Amino acid sequence: MHPPRADCTRGDDGTLVAVTKGNVIYTKPDGELIITSRRNGETVYQRPGA
């Protein structure tokens, strides 16, 4: 996995979105973590929040 690019964005609900070479990482304010593939949009990893 490659490190996130410098252009991370934060959504209105506080979600942090980081784009890597092959994935998109969503970190939600409650601690939920979702990693999706940029190639096909499928969820690669998901950890529930608090």
N, C-alpha and C. Protein backbone atom coordinates (compact mmCIF):
# COMPACT_ATOMS: atom_id res chain seq x y z
N MET A 1 0.85 -1.17 0.00
CA MET A 1 0.00 0.00 0.00
C MET A 1 0.89 1.23 0.00
N HIS A 2 0.52 2.19 -0.79
CA HIS A 2 1.27 3.44 -0.88
C HIS A 2 0.72 4.44 0.13
N PRO A 3 1.54 5.40 0.58
CA PRO A 3 1.06 6.39 1.54
C PRO A 3 0.03 7.33 0.90
N PRO A 4 -0.85 7.93 1.71
CA PRO A 4 -1.84 8.88 1.17
C PRO A 4 -1.17 10.08 0.52
N ARG A 5 -1.84 10.64 -0.45
CA ARG A 5 -1.36 11.85 -1.10
C ARG A 5 -1.61 13.05 -0.19
N ALA A 6 -0.97 14.13 -0.48
CA ALA A 6 -1.06 15.31 0.38
C ALA A 6 -2.41 16.02 0.29
N ASP A 7 -3.23 15.69 -0.70
CA ASP A 7 -4.50 16.41 -0.89
C ASP A 7 -5.68 15.72 -0.22
N CYS A 8 -5.52 15.33 1.04
CA CYS A 8 -6.62 14.73 1.80
C CYS A 8 -7.74 15.75 1.94
N THR A 9 -8.97 15.28 1.96
CA THR A 9 -10.11 16.19 2.11
C THR A 9 -10.93 15.78 3.32
N ARG A 10 -11.67 16.74 3.85
CA ARG A 10 -12.54 16.48 5.00
C ARG A 10 -13.96 16.85 4.59
N GLY A 11 -14.88 15.89 4.77
CA GLY A 11 -16.28 16.11 4.42
C GLY A 11 -17.00 16.96 5.45
N ASP A 12 -18.22 17.35 5.12
CA ASP A 12 -19.02 18.17 6.03
C ASP A 12 -19.31 17.46 7.34
N ASP A 13 -19.39 16.12 7.30
CA ASP A 13 -19.68 15.36 8.51
C ASP A 13 -18.41 15.02 9.29
N GLY A 14 -17.26 15.52 8.85
CA GLY A 14 -16.00 15.28 9.55
C GLY A 14 -15.22 14.10 9.03
N THR A 15 -15.72 13.43 7.99
CA THR A 15 -15.03 12.28 7.41
C THR A 15 -13.77 12.75 6.69
N LEU A 16 -12.66 12.09 6.99
CA LEU A 16 -11.39 12.37 6.32
C LEU A 16 -11.25 11.39 5.16
N VAL A 17 -10.98 11.91 3.95
CA VAL A 17 -10.84 11.07 2.76
C VAL A 17 -9.41 11.22 2.26
N ALA A 18 -8.68 10.11 2.22
CA ALA A 18 -7.31 10.10 1.73
C ALA A 18 -7.23 9.16 0.54
N VAL A 19 -6.60 9.63 -0.54
CA VAL A 19 -6.47 8.84 -1.75
C VAL A 19 -5.03 8.34 -1.87
N THR A 20 -4.87 7.04 -2.10
CA THR A 20 -3.56 6.46 -2.35
C THR A 20 -3.51 6.01 -3.81
N LYS A 21 -2.44 5.38 -4.21
CA LYS A 21 -2.30 4.94 -5.60
C LYS A 21 -3.43 3.99 -6.00
N GLY A 22 -3.80 3.07 -5.12
CA GLY A 22 -4.80 2.07 -5.48
C GLY A 22 -6.04 2.05 -4.63
N ASN A 23 -6.10 2.89 -3.58
CA ASN A 23 -7.22 2.83 -2.65
C ASN A 23 -7.71 4.22 -2.25
N VAL A 24 -8.92 4.24 -1.72
CA VAL A 24 -9.46 5.44 -1.10
C VAL A 24 -9.77 5.07 0.34
N ILE A 25 -9.29 5.87 1.29
CA ILE A 25 -9.44 5.58 2.71
C ILE A 25 -10.39 6.61 3.32
N TYR A 26 -11.45 6.12 3.94
CA TYR A 26 -12.42 6.98 4.62
C TYR A 26 -12.30 6.75 6.12
N THR A 27 -12.01 7.80 6.87
CA THR A 27 -11.93 7.73 8.32
C THR A 27 -13.03 8.62 8.87
N LYS A 28 -14.01 8.01 9.53
CA LYS A 28 -15.16 8.76 10.03
C LYS A 28 -14.92 9.23 11.46
N PRO A 29 -15.65 10.26 11.88
CA PRO A 29 -15.44 10.83 13.22
C PRO A 29 -15.64 9.82 14.36
N ASP A 30 -16.48 8.80 14.15
CA ASP A 30 -16.72 7.82 15.22
C ASP A 30 -15.66 6.72 15.24
N GLY A 31 -14.64 6.82 14.37
CA GLY A 31 -13.56 5.85 14.34
C GLY A 31 -13.71 4.78 13.28
N GLU A 32 -14.83 4.77 12.56
CA GLU A 32 -15.01 3.78 11.49
C GLU A 32 -13.99 4.03 10.40
N LEU A 33 -13.43 2.94 9.88
CA LEU A 33 -12.42 3.02 8.84
C LEU A 33 -12.87 2.15 7.68
N ILE A 34 -12.91 2.73 6.48
CA ILE A 34 -13.30 2.00 5.28
C ILE A 34 -12.24 2.25 4.21
N ILE A 35 -11.74 1.17 3.64
CA ILE A 35 -10.78 1.27 2.54
C ILE A 35 -11.41 0.62 1.32
N THR A 36 -11.50 1.38 0.23
CA THR A 36 -12.08 0.86 -1.01
C THR A 36 -11.03 0.88 -2.12
N SER A 37 -11.21 -0.01 -3.06
CA SER A 37 -10.33 -0.08 -4.22
C SER A 37 -10.70 0.99 -5.22
N ARG A 38 -9.72 1.70 -5.76
CA ARG A 38 -9.99 2.68 -6.81
C ARG A 38 -10.29 1.97 -8.13
N ARG A 39 -9.82 0.76 -8.28
CA ARG A 39 -9.99 0.03 -9.53
C ARG A 39 -11.45 -0.38 -9.76
N ASN A 40 -12.09 -0.94 -8.72
CA ASN A 40 -13.45 -1.45 -8.91
C ASN A 40 -14.46 -0.94 -7.88
N GLY A 41 -14.02 -0.15 -6.92
CA GLY A 41 -14.92 0.42 -5.93
C GLY A 41 -15.32 -0.52 -4.81
N GLU A 42 -14.83 -1.74 -4.81
CA GLU A 42 -15.18 -2.70 -3.78
C GLU A 42 -14.48 -2.37 -2.46
N THR A 43 -15.14 -2.69 -1.35
CA THR A 43 -14.56 -2.48 -0.03
C THR A 43 -13.48 -3.53 0.20
N VAL A 44 -12.27 -3.05 0.52
CA VAL A 44 -11.13 -3.93 0.78
C VAL A 44 -11.06 -4.22 2.27
N TYR A 45 -11.39 -3.23 3.09
CA TYR A 45 -11.29 -3.38 4.55
C TYR A 45 -12.31 -2.46 5.18
N GLN A 46 -12.95 -2.93 6.26
CA GLN A 46 -13.87 -2.08 7.01
C GLN A 46 -13.78 -2.44 8.48
N ARG A 47 -13.57 -1.41 9.30
CA ARG A 47 -13.55 -1.57 10.75
C ARG A 47 -14.63 -0.69 11.33
N PRO A 48 -15.55 -1.26 12.11
CA PRO A 48 -16.63 -0.45 12.67
C PRO A 48 -16.13 0.58 13.68
N GLY A 49 -16.88 1.64 13.81
CA GLY A 49 -16.54 2.68 14.77
C GLY A 49 -17.12 2.40 16.15
N ALA A 50 -16.99 3.37 17.02
CA ALA A 50 -17.45 3.20 18.40
C ALA A 50 -18.96 3.22 18.50
